[in-house]
Protein backbone atom coordinates (compact mmCIF):
# COMPACT_ATOMS: atom_id res chain seq x y z
CA MET A 1 -0.05 0.12 -0.17
CA ILE A 2 1.49 3.36 -0.89
CA LYS A 3 1.15 6.23 1.26
CA VAL A 4 1.48 9.80 0.65
CA ALA A 5 3.05 12.27 3.07
CA PRO A 6 1.95 15.99 1.85
CA SER A 7 4.80 18.34 2.88
CA VAL A 8 3.86 21.53 4.42
CA LEU A 9 6.91 23.24 3.24
CA SER A 10 4.70 24.02 0.16
CA GLY A 11 1.63 24.97 2.26
CA ASP A 12 0.61 28.53 3.40
CA TYR A 13 2.76 29.61 6.20
CA ALA A 14 0.35 32.48 6.98
CA LYS A 15 -2.21 29.62 7.69
CA LEU A 16 0.00 26.78 8.90
CA GLY A 17 -2.60 25.24 11.01
CA GLU A 18 -5.09 25.18 8.01
CA SER A 19 -2.34 23.75 5.67
CA VAL A 20 -1.95 20.90 8.20
CA ALA A 21 -5.52 20.18 8.52
CA LEU A 22 -5.92 20.06 4.69
CA ALA A 23 -3.32 17.30 4.26
CA GLU A 24 -5.50 15.13 6.39
CA LYS A 25 -8.71 16.11 4.64
CA TRP A 26 -7.26 15.71 1.31
CA GLY A 27 -6.35 11.98 2.20
CA GLY A 28 -2.70 12.18 3.23
CA ASP A 29 -1.26 9.14 5.29
CA TYR A 30 1.49 11.14 7.10
CA LEU A 31 2.20 14.79 7.41
CA HIS A 32 5.77 15.69 6.35
CA PHE A 33 7.69 18.48 8.10
CA ASP A 34 10.98 19.60 6.60
CA VAL A 35 12.99 21.11 9.50
CA MET A 36 15.97 23.35 8.07
CA ASP A 37 18.50 25.40 10.13
CA GLY A 38 20.29 27.31 7.44
CA VAL A 39 23.44 25.62 8.31
CA PHE A 40 23.11 22.19 6.97
CA VAL A 41 20.93 23.47 4.16
CA PRO A 42 20.81 26.91 2.92
CA ASN A 43 17.27 27.58 4.12
CA ILE A 44 15.36 28.04 7.41
CA THR A 45 11.99 26.40 8.13
CA VAL A 46 9.86 25.49 10.87
CA GLY A 47 10.88 23.96 14.40
CA MET A 48 9.48 22.85 17.67
CA PRO A 49 7.14 25.52 18.52
CA SER A 50 5.59 25.31 15.03
CA LEU A 51 4.98 21.61 15.53
CA ALA A 52 3.53 22.15 18.82
CA ALA A 53 1.14 24.83 17.59
CA VAL A 54 -0.54 22.80 14.72
CA ARG A 55 -0.37 19.27 16.54
CA SER A 56 -4.11 19.64 17.38
CA TYR A 57 -5.07 20.55 13.70
CA CYS A 58 -4.27 17.21 12.34
CA SER A 59 -4.41 13.53 13.56
CA LEU A 60 -1.99 12.07 11.08
CA PRO A 61 1.48 10.94 12.21
CA PHE A 62 3.83 13.72 12.13
CA ASP A 63 6.86 12.60 9.68
CA VAL A 64 9.65 15.09 10.74
CA HIS A 65 12.84 15.33 8.47
CA LEU A 66 15.55 17.11 10.34
CA MET A 67 17.93 18.90 7.86
CA ILE A 68 19.88 20.17 10.80
CA ILE A 69 23.36 19.80 12.26
CA ASN A 70 23.54 17.99 15.41
CA PRO A 71 20.10 16.51 15.58
CA GLU A 72 20.88 14.47 18.52
CA LYS A 73 20.32 17.74 20.64
CA TYR A 74 16.84 18.19 19.56
CA VAL A 75 15.18 14.89 18.99
CA GLU A 76 13.57 14.64 22.60
CA ARG A 77 12.29 18.33 22.06
CA PHE A 78 10.63 17.31 18.72
CA VAL A 79 8.97 14.35 20.06
CA LYS A 80 7.63 16.45 22.75
CA ALA A 81 6.38 18.78 20.13
CA GLY A 82 4.31 16.07 18.46
CA ALA A 83 6.65 14.05 16.11
CA ASP A 84 5.96 10.44 15.41
CA ILE A 85 8.72 9.74 12.92
CA ILE A 86 11.98 11.32 13.11
CA THR A 87 14.54 11.26 10.37
CA PHE A 88 18.00 12.78 10.28
CA HIS A 89 20.98 12.80 8.04
CA PRO A 90 23.84 10.79 9.41
CA GLU A 91 26.60 12.89 8.18
CA ALA A 92 25.25 15.79 10.24
CA CYS A 93 25.09 13.85 13.54
CA ALA A 94 27.79 13.17 16.15
CA ASP A 95 26.28 10.12 17.46
CA VAL A 96 24.08 8.27 14.97
CA LYS A 97 23.26 5.22 16.83
CA GLY A 98 22.92 6.76 19.95
CA THR A 99 20.42 9.35 18.38
CA LEU A 100 18.24 6.46 16.76
CA LEU A 101 18.06 4.55 20.00
CA LYS A 102 17.16 7.64 22.00
CA ILE A 103 14.26 8.25 19.42
CA LYS A 104 13.16 4.55 19.85
CA GLU A 105 13.31 5.05 23.91
CA LEU A 106 11.01 7.94 23.46
CA GLY A 107 8.54 5.61 21.68
CA LYS A 108 8.74 7.02 18.18
CA LYS A 109 10.00 5.78 14.71
CA CYS A 110 13.45 6.58 13.89
CA GLY A 111 15.08 6.79 10.16
CA LEU A 112 18.09 8.00 8.11
CA VAL A 113 18.21 10.20 5.05
CA VAL A 114 20.23 9.51 1.93
CA ASN A 115 21.19 12.84 -0.02
CA PRO A 116 21.57 12.20 -3.91
CA ASP A 117 25.40 12.28 -3.82
CA LYS A 118 25.75 10.09 -0.54
CA ASP A 119 26.34 6.24 -0.38
CA LEU A 120 24.29 3.77 1.04
CA SER A 121 27.21 3.04 3.45
CA LEU A 122 26.19 5.81 5.63
CA VAL A 123 22.88 3.90 6.34
CA MET A 124 24.04 0.37 6.18
CA PRO A 125 25.73 0.08 9.67
CA TYR A 126 22.27 0.86 11.25
CA VAL A 127 19.79 -1.11 9.36
CA ASP A 128 18.84 -3.28 12.40
CA LEU A 129 17.43 -0.23 14.13
CA LEU A 130 15.74 1.76 11.36
CA ASP A 131 12.03 2.13 10.96
CA MET A 132 12.42 4.42 7.73
CA VAL A 133 15.04 5.32 5.20
CA VAL A 134 14.23 8.51 3.26
CA PHE A 135 16.06 8.85 -0.27
CA MET A 136 16.27 12.63 -1.40
CA GLY A 137 15.06 13.12 -5.01
CA VAL A 138 16.52 16.39 -4.95
CA PHE A 139 19.25 18.27 -3.03
CA PRO A 140 17.58 19.36 0.23
CA GLY A 141 16.99 22.98 0.77
CA PHE A 142 13.96 24.06 -1.33
CA GLY A 143 10.53 22.77 -2.54
CA GLY A 144 9.58 22.61 -6.18
CA GLN A 145 12.82 21.11 -7.52
CA LYS A 146 13.03 18.60 -10.48
CA PHE A 147 13.66 15.06 -9.54
CA ILE A 148 16.89 13.50 -9.99
CA PRO A 149 16.37 10.03 -11.77
CA GLU A 150 19.86 8.66 -10.83
CA VAL A 151 18.63 8.15 -7.38
CA LEU A 152 16.49 5.17 -8.55
CA ASP A 153 19.33 2.97 -8.86
CA LYS A 154 20.35 3.55 -5.14
CA ILE A 155 16.58 2.82 -4.23
CA ARG A 156 16.66 -0.30 -6.26
CA GLU A 157 19.78 -1.55 -4.47
CA PHE A 158 18.51 -0.63 -0.97
CA SER A 159 15.20 -2.09 -1.64
CA LYS A 160 16.68 -5.50 -2.65
CA ILE A 161 18.78 -5.54 0.72
CA VAL A 162 15.51 -4.85 2.76
CA ARG A 163 13.61 -7.62 1.06
CA GLU A 164 16.34 -10.24 1.14
CA GLY A 165 17.28 -9.36 4.81
CA GLY A 166 13.66 -9.23 5.89
CA TYR A 167 14.07 -5.79 7.53
CA ASN A 168 11.02 -3.83 8.63
CA ILE A 169 11.96 -0.57 7.03
CA GLU A 170 9.76 1.79 5.15
CA LEU A 171 11.29 3.35 2.17
CA GLU A 172 10.30 7.06 1.40
CA LEU A 173 11.17 9.44 -1.44
CA ASP A 174 11.27 13.11 -0.69
CA GLY A 175 11.70 15.69 -3.47
CA GLY A 176 10.53 16.13 -6.75
CA VAL A 177 7.55 13.72 -6.78
CA ASN A 178 4.51 14.18 -8.97
CA GLU A 179 1.87 12.25 -11.01
CA ASP A 180 4.07 11.73 -14.00
CA ASN A 181 6.97 10.20 -12.01
CA ALA A 182 5.23 8.49 -9.04
CA GLN A 183 4.94 5.23 -10.91
CA THR A 184 8.59 4.68 -11.75
CA ILE A 185 9.40 5.78 -8.07
CA LYS A 186 7.12 3.18 -6.62
CA ASP A 187 8.42 0.65 -9.12
CA ALA A 188 12.02 1.20 -7.67
CA GLY A 189 10.70 0.13 -4.34
CA ILE A 190 9.35 3.39 -2.58
CA GLU A 191 6.42 2.90 -0.12
CA VAL A 192 6.09 6.66 1.09
CA LEU A 193 5.79 9.63 -1.46
CA VAL A 194 6.41 12.97 0.07
CA ALA A 195 4.61 15.35 -2.09
CA GLY A 196 5.01 19.12 -1.57
CA SER A 197 4.12 21.45 -4.42
CA ALA A 198 2.39 18.51 -6.24
CA VAL A 199 -0.06 18.40 -3.72
CA TYR A 200 -0.54 21.93 -2.30
CA ASN A 201 -0.44 23.55 -5.74
CA SER A 202 -2.84 21.34 -7.45
CA LYS A 203 -6.02 22.36 -8.50
CA ASN A 204 -7.54 19.25 -7.13
CA PRO A 205 -5.44 17.88 -4.20
CA ILE A 206 -7.83 15.03 -3.27
CA GLU A 207 -7.64 13.62 -6.79
CA THR A 208 -3.73 14.11 -6.89
CA ILE A 209 -3.23 12.14 -3.88
CA LYS A 210 -5.54 9.37 -5.17
CA ASN A 211 -3.44 9.47 -8.41
CA LEU A 212 -0.18 9.14 -6.32
CA LYS A 213 -1.34 6.28 -4.49
CA ARG A 214 -2.59 4.36 -7.57
């Protein structure tokens, strides 16, 4: 079953609570938050106060992608703010294993993110701990970018590892997803599609999400 995680990065920040509520109304499965610090990526977005402020607007699981340095310092505060799934970039973390274990100890799902130019070797030492691996279809920092098709080979490789190893890891694709490429991305092994501009800029978001799931 394919899941769609609308990304509020493409929502109306002047009406963030409404943007969050719409994702559920439209048929989203997760709600995706791109948290950027202006250091690890060249942009700044939402943080813990924003998550906490909109948690009551939506019952979907909050899928929180930390594009920040030293995520180990903040995971507990993001859980308290309402995060259900927390993913981060291993190259930005001083203690990857400890941070994954901390998220699990807090009763939430954990995962790692693979940028287009990064190797699976950053993820492989931790496969026994992971609930999710996020593959970036673009270089992180801004929404609305064009999908990088070379990422598909890496997804296929890791999908095979997951199947053959019997791991219970969801594979998510973040960046550049639209109705034209969704089938190809799913065929590579992706189970969760993060869709920002494709959903929030759609004339019919309900139908767009249905099409992505199909």
